[in-house]
Amino acid sequence: MIQIFESIKQIIRLLLLLISTSTIISCSDDNKKTADEYPGTIVDLGTHKLMTYNELKNSKYLVVFESGHGNDHTSWLSTGKSSEILTISNAINSDVLLYDRAGYGKSEFNTEPRNINKLTAELEKVIDNFSNGRKVILVGHSLGGMIIRDYAIKNPHKVGGLLFVDASHEKYNHLTQDQVNNFYNSYKKTYGENSGIAQETLQLINDFNYMTTLPDLPNVPVIAITSMKIDADHNAADRQLWFESKESLKSGVTDFTQITTVKSGHFIQLEEPDLVLNTIKLLLSKASLLNP
């Protein structure tokens, strides 16, 4: 299974596990108020509205989480409870912002091409609603890693640091048109043609080609957390290619670190949440040293 689509298989497994232990609300209960639901804030983009979730205490940096392909903001919540946003904010002692891209969660769909350029433009609008001129620390999982790369290159003056959590990369991810067509038809049938996962799937080949044209990242602190876990879908050689794709992110970056783990698969933030939170804290400290 290609890494970017491993997210779908693993999130289903995790959801089934969480549901069985009564730690998550079923997707079918999305509109019901519960004690664990955290209030969202709508951002109107004109063509469609996105649902955002934030905890703001006027900290020096705003930490922004960008989810992977096929995932809404709950892919960052290891407990499956929206109230975990408070826990995340307290753990890293910083303001946090999560959101659902178009066609996911409670965000409206958008039928314009859902390519990286479009996703980055919408991320920028979301950030501008909450940053109040502050620099941001961007945390991107899987496809989200490509989105935050594009944002950082286009907005270097707005970025204090970058964390890539098992992020997709054009040096590793290679899809054929037949694969994309098969994935799209499956997602269209299951989730609808306007779903985020279906619309984003249509653009994946163009997205990976686009990423090859990007220059180096801005010279800010960059950390990548990478799964090196061997399993039925990934042997040692495959994991080495995955590792090397993240190593290429250090070009032009003075402060780059890659952290590997064999304890987690693709969803490191769910399987090892403390590793991700502690790394965000490290990144915040690095950014603060550069901008006292």
Protein backbone atom coordinates (compact mmCIF):
# COMPACT_ATOMS: atom_id res chain seq x y z
CA MET A 1 0.00 0.00 0.00
CA ILE A 2 1.36 3.39 -0.93
CA GLN A 3 2.07 5.45 2.17
CA ILE A 4 -0.38 8.27 1.51
CA PHE A 5 -3.26 5.79 1.31
CA GLU A 6 -2.14 3.79 4.34
CA SER A 7 -3.87 6.53 6.34
CA ILE A 8 -7.30 5.29 5.28
CA LYS A 9 -6.66 1.70 6.29
CA GLN A 10 -5.07 2.58 9.61
CA ILE A 11 -7.61 5.22 10.63
CA ILE A 12 -10.41 2.68 10.07
CA ARG A 13 -8.59 0.20 12.31
CA LEU A 14 -8.03 2.83 14.98
CA LEU A 15 -11.62 4.03 14.83
CA LEU A 16 -12.92 0.50 15.25
CA LEU A 17 -10.64 0.00 18.24
CA LEU A 18 -11.66 3.29 19.80
CA ILE A 19 -15.35 2.69 19.19
CA SER A 20 -15.10 -0.71 20.84
CA THR A 21 -13.68 0.91 23.97
CA SER A 22 -16.21 3.77 23.98
CA THR A 23 -13.56 6.47 23.67
CA ILE A 24 -14.81 8.12 20.48
CA ILE A 25 -18.12 9.41 19.16
CA SER A 26 -19.27 7.69 15.96
CA CYS A 27 -19.23 9.74 12.76
CA SER A 28 -22.99 9.22 12.62
CA ASP A 29 -23.28 11.22 15.85
CA ASP A 30 -21.35 14.18 14.40
CA ASN A 31 -24.17 16.68 14.93
CA LYS A 32 -25.04 15.62 18.49
CA LYS A 33 -23.81 17.68 21.42
CA THR A 34 -21.83 15.74 23.97
CA ALA A 35 -19.73 16.56 26.97
CA ASP A 36 -16.63 15.76 24.94
CA GLU A 37 -17.43 18.06 22.00
CA TYR A 38 -15.31 21.18 21.68
CA PRO A 39 -16.99 24.22 20.10
CA GLY A 40 -15.81 25.11 16.61
CA THR A 41 -15.48 28.45 14.82
CA ILE A 42 -16.61 28.85 11.21
CA VAL A 43 -14.32 30.62 8.74
CA ASP A 44 -16.18 31.86 5.66
CA LEU A 45 -14.01 31.74 2.54
CA GLY A 46 -16.73 33.16 0.32
CA THR A 47 -17.12 30.04 -1.83
CA HIS A 48 -17.49 27.72 1.17
CA LYS A 49 -17.13 27.62 4.94
CA LEU A 50 -14.55 25.72 6.97
CA MET A 51 -14.91 24.54 10.55
CA THR A 52 -11.98 25.38 12.80
CA TYR A 53 -11.14 24.44 16.38
CA ASN A 54 -8.83 26.55 18.48
CA GLU A 55 -7.62 27.34 21.96
CA LEU A 56 -6.26 30.88 22.12
CA LYS A 57 -4.39 32.34 25.09
CA ASN A 58 -2.30 34.94 23.24
CA SER A 59 0.91 32.90 23.32
CA LYS A 60 3.97 33.96 21.33
CA TYR A 61 3.33 31.43 18.57
CA LEU A 62 0.23 29.84 17.10
CA VAL A 63 0.66 26.09 16.53
CA VAL A 64 -1.32 25.00 13.47
CA PHE A 65 -2.11 21.35 12.69
CA GLU A 66 -2.64 20.20 9.09
CA SER A 67 -4.21 16.75 8.67
CA GLY A 68 -3.41 14.05 6.13
CA HIS A 69 -5.29 12.78 3.11
CA GLY A 70 -8.68 11.39 4.10
CA ASN A 71 -8.57 12.82 7.64
CA ASP A 72 -10.29 15.63 9.47
CA HIS A 73 -8.97 17.38 12.60
CA THR A 74 -9.75 14.38 14.81
CA SER A 75 -6.74 12.57 13.36
CA TRP A 76 -4.71 14.61 15.88
CA LEU A 77 -6.80 13.53 18.89
CA SER A 78 -5.42 10.37 20.47
CA THR A 79 -8.35 10.14 22.88
CA GLY A 80 -10.93 10.64 20.14
CA LYS A 81 -12.44 13.50 22.16
CA SER A 82 -12.54 17.06 20.84
CA SER A 83 -11.85 18.34 24.34
CA GLU A 84 -8.30 17.02 23.87
CA ILE A 85 -7.58 20.34 22.15
CA LEU A 86 -7.35 21.82 25.65
CA THR A 87 -4.91 19.10 26.67
CA ILE A 88 -2.73 19.76 23.64
CA SER A 89 -2.69 23.50 24.29
CA ASN A 90 -1.78 23.01 27.95
CA ALA A 91 0.85 20.38 27.19
CA ILE A 92 2.78 22.61 24.81
CA ASN A 93 1.85 25.86 26.60
CA SER A 94 0.81 27.49 23.36
CA ASP A 95 -2.22 28.49 21.33
CA VAL A 96 -3.39 25.78 18.93
CA LEU A 97 -5.46 25.73 15.76
CA LEU A 98 -6.96 22.67 14.08
CA TYR A 99 -9.43 22.66 11.20
CA ASP A 100 -11.20 20.50 8.65
CA ARG A 101 -10.37 21.03 5.00
CA ALA A 102 -13.27 21.34 2.53
CA GLY A 103 -15.33 18.18 2.32
CA TYR A 104 -14.21 16.84 5.71
CA GLY A 105 -15.90 16.88 9.11
CA LYS A 106 -18.26 19.85 9.46
CA SER A 107 -16.62 21.92 6.71
CA GLU A 108 -18.52 22.54 3.49
CA PHE A 109 -17.34 21.03 0.23
CA ASN A 110 -15.77 22.96 -2.63
CA THR A 111 -15.84 21.76 -6.23
CA GLU A 112 -12.84 23.77 -7.43
CA PRO A 113 -9.72 21.63 -8.08
CA ARG A 114 -8.46 20.59 -4.64
CA ASN A 115 -4.76 20.79 -5.49
CA ILE A 116 -1.90 21.85 -3.22
CA ASN A 117 -2.10 25.45 -4.38
CA LYS A 118 -5.77 25.60 -3.41
CA LEU A 119 -5.25 23.81 -0.09
CA THR A 120 -2.37 26.14 0.78
CA ALA A 121 -4.39 29.24 -0.10
CA GLU A 122 -7.19 28.10 2.21
CA LEU A 123 -4.75 27.27 5.00
CA GLU A 124 -3.38 30.80 4.70
CA LYS A 125 -6.85 32.30 5.04
CA VAL A 126 -7.60 30.15 8.08
CA ILE A 127 -4.32 31.14 9.75
CA ASP A 128 -4.85 34.82 9.05
CA ASN A 129 -8.13 34.65 10.98
CA PHE A 130 -6.36 33.64 14.19
CA SER A 131 -2.67 34.51 14.06
CA ASN A 132 -3.04 38.24 14.81
CA GLY A 133 0.30 38.87 13.16
CA ARG A 134 2.14 36.14 15.08
CA LYS A 135 4.44 33.62 13.48
CA VAL A 136 3.11 30.07 13.30
CA ILE A 137 4.55 26.67 14.06
CA LEU A 138 3.19 24.32 11.39
CA VAL A 139 2.62 20.63 12.12
CA GLY A 140 1.71 18.49 9.11
CA HIS A 141 0.85 14.79 8.89
CA SER A 142 1.07 12.76 5.66
CA LEU A 143 -0.35 14.92 2.81
CA GLY A 144 -0.50 17.76 5.34
CA GLY A 145 3.29 17.82 5.25
CA MET A 146 3.17 18.84 1.59
CA ILE A 147 0.65 21.58 2.35
CA ILE A 148 2.73 23.12 5.13
CA ARG A 149 5.86 22.96 2.94
CA ASP A 150 4.10 24.96 0.25
CA TYR A 151 2.76 27.43 2.81
CA ALA A 152 6.19 27.95 4.40
CA ILE A 153 7.90 28.55 1.07
CA LYS A 154 5.24 31.07 0.06
CA ASN A 155 5.09 32.74 3.50
CA PRO A 156 8.60 32.45 5.02
CA HIS A 157 8.16 35.57 7.16
CA LYS A 158 5.09 34.03 8.85
CA VAL A 159 6.72 30.74 9.90
CA GLY A 160 8.67 30.09 13.10
CA GLY A 161 9.21 26.36 12.64
CA LEU A 162 8.00 23.20 10.89
CA LEU A 163 7.21 19.70 12.13
CA PHE A 164 6.63 16.93 9.60
CA VAL A 165 4.85 13.89 11.07
CA ASP A 166 5.40 10.93 8.72
CA ALA A 167 4.89 13.37 5.87
CA SER A 168 4.30 12.43 2.24
CA HIS A 169 7.05 13.34 -0.19
CA GLU A 170 7.42 13.32 -3.96
CA LYS A 171 10.70 11.38 -3.75
CA TYR A 172 8.80 8.44 -2.27
CA ASN A 173 5.17 8.68 -3.34
CA HIS A 174 4.58 7.64 -6.96
CA LEU A 175 1.10 6.95 -8.33
CA THR A 176 -0.15 5.81 -11.72
CA GLN A 177 -3.28 7.25 -13.29
CA ASP A 178 -4.97 3.85 -12.99
CA GLN A 179 -4.28 3.83 -9.24
CA VAL A 180 -5.71 7.31 -8.86
CA ASN A 181 -8.78 6.38 -10.89
CA ASN A 182 -9.38 3.28 -8.78
CA PHE A 183 -8.97 5.16 -5.52
CA TYR A 184 -11.22 7.99 -6.71
CA ASN A 185 -14.01 5.65 -7.82
CA SER A 186 -13.86 3.84 -4.49
CA TYR A 187 -13.96 7.07 -2.47
CA LYS A 188 -16.68 8.54 -4.68
CA LYS A 189 -18.85 5.49 -4.03
CA THR A 190 -18.16 5.43 -0.29
CA TYR A 191 -17.99 9.12 0.62
CA GLY A 192 -19.49 10.97 -2.37
CA GLU A 193 -17.91 12.75 -5.30
CA ASN A 194 -17.68 16.08 -3.42
CA SER A 195 -16.00 14.61 -0.35
CA GLY A 196 -12.59 15.96 0.53
CA ILE A 197 -10.90 12.61 0.03
CA ALA A 198 -12.40 12.08 -3.43
CA GLN A 199 -11.67 15.60 -4.69
CA GLU A 200 -8.12 15.62 -3.31
CA THR A 201 -7.42 12.20 -4.81
CA LEU A 202 -8.06 13.56 -8.31
CA GLN A 203 -5.15 15.98 -7.88
CA LEU A 204 -2.52 13.68 -6.34
CA ILE A 205 -0.38 13.09 -9.42
CA ASN A 206 -0.35 16.81 -10.21
CA ASP A 207 0.40 17.54 -6.56
CA PHE A 208 3.49 15.34 -6.44
CA ASN A 209 4.69 16.81 -9.73
CA TYR A 210 4.13 20.30 -8.35
CA MET A 211 6.17 19.56 -5.23
CA THR A 212 9.21 18.74 -7.39
CA THR A 213 9.22 22.36 -8.60
CA LEU A 214 9.41 23.92 -5.13
CA PRO A 215 12.60 25.55 -3.83
CA ASP A 216 14.14 24.74 -0.46
CA LEU A 217 12.30 25.40 2.78
CA PRO A 218 12.92 28.71 4.54
CA ASN A 219 15.79 28.58 7.02
CA VAL A 220 13.73 27.98 10.16
CA PRO A 221 13.96 25.09 12.65
CA VAL A 222 12.63 21.93 11.00
CA ILE A 223 11.96 18.54 12.61
CA ALA A 224 10.65 15.40 10.92
CA ILE A 225 9.27 12.42 12.85
CA THR A 226 9.36 9.31 10.71
CA SER A 227 8.00 5.81 11.22
CA MET A 228 10.58 3.11 10.50
CA LYS A 229 8.33 0.31 11.69
CA ILE A 230 8.59 -2.85 9.62
CA ASP A 231 5.25 -4.45 8.80
CA ALA A 232 3.47 -6.39 6.07
CA ASP A 233 3.42 -3.36 3.76
CA HIS A 234 6.88 -1.93 4.49
CA ASN A 235 10.20 -3.77 4.49
CA ALA A 236 13.56 -2.34 5.52
CA ALA A 237 14.40 -1.07 2.02
CA ASP A 238 11.04 0.68 1.72
CA ARG A 239 11.49 2.35 5.11
CA GLN A 240 14.95 3.54 4.11
CA LEU A 241 13.49 5.28 1.05
CA TRP A 242 10.84 6.83 3.29
CA PHE A 243 13.57 8.07 5.64
CA GLU A 244 15.67 9.47 2.81
CA SER A 245 12.75 11.42 1.40
CA LYS A 246 12.51 13.33 4.70
CA GLU A 247 16.27 13.85 4.81
CA SER A 248 15.97 15.83 1.57
CA LEU A 249 14.00 18.47 3.48
CA LYS A 250 17.19 19.65 5.20
CA SER A 251 18.59 21.28 2.08
CA GLY A 252 19.22 24.93 2.92
CA VAL A 253 18.06 24.48 6.52
CA THR A 254 20.59 25.17 9.29
CA ASP A 255 18.65 23.48 12.10
CA PHE A 256 17.19 20.19 10.85
CA THR A 257 16.49 17.04 12.87
CA GLN A 258 14.90 13.76 11.88
CA ILE A 259 13.51 11.60 14.68
CA THR A 260 12.66 7.99 13.88
CA THR A 261 10.40 5.56 15.69
CA VAL A 262 9.67 1.84 15.35
CA LYS A 263 6.86 1.94 17.91
CA SER A 264 4.31 3.55 15.59
CA GLY A 265 2.98 3.17 12.09
CA HIS A 266 1.78 6.06 9.95
CA PHE A 267 -0.36 7.67 12.68
CA ILE A 268 2.45 8.54 15.06
CA GLN A 269 0.36 11.26 16.70
CA LEU A 270 -2.24 8.69 17.76
CA GLU A 271 0.11 5.90 18.78
CA GLU A 272 2.79 8.06 20.42
CA PRO A 273 1.10 11.39 21.24
CA ASP A 274 3.72 12.31 23.84
CA LEU A 275 6.48 12.01 21.24
CA VAL A 276 4.70 14.48 18.99
CA LEU A 277 3.81 16.88 21.81
CA ASN A 278 7.34 16.86 23.22
CA THR A 279 8.73 17.50 19.76
CA ILE A 280 6.40 20.47 19.32
CA LYS A 281 7.68 21.83 22.64
CA LEU A 282 11.25 21.41 21.39
CA LEU A 283 10.40 23.21 18.18
CA LEU A 284 8.79 26.06 20.09
CA SER A 285 11.92 26.45 22.21
CA LYS A 286 14.13 26.50 19.10
CA ALA A 287 11.91 29.14 17.47
CA SER A 288 11.94 31.26 20.64
CA LEU A 289 15.74 31.20 20.81
CA LEU A 290 15.91 32.58 17.29
CA ASN A 291 13.24 35.19 18.00
CA PRO A 292 13.65 36.19 21.68
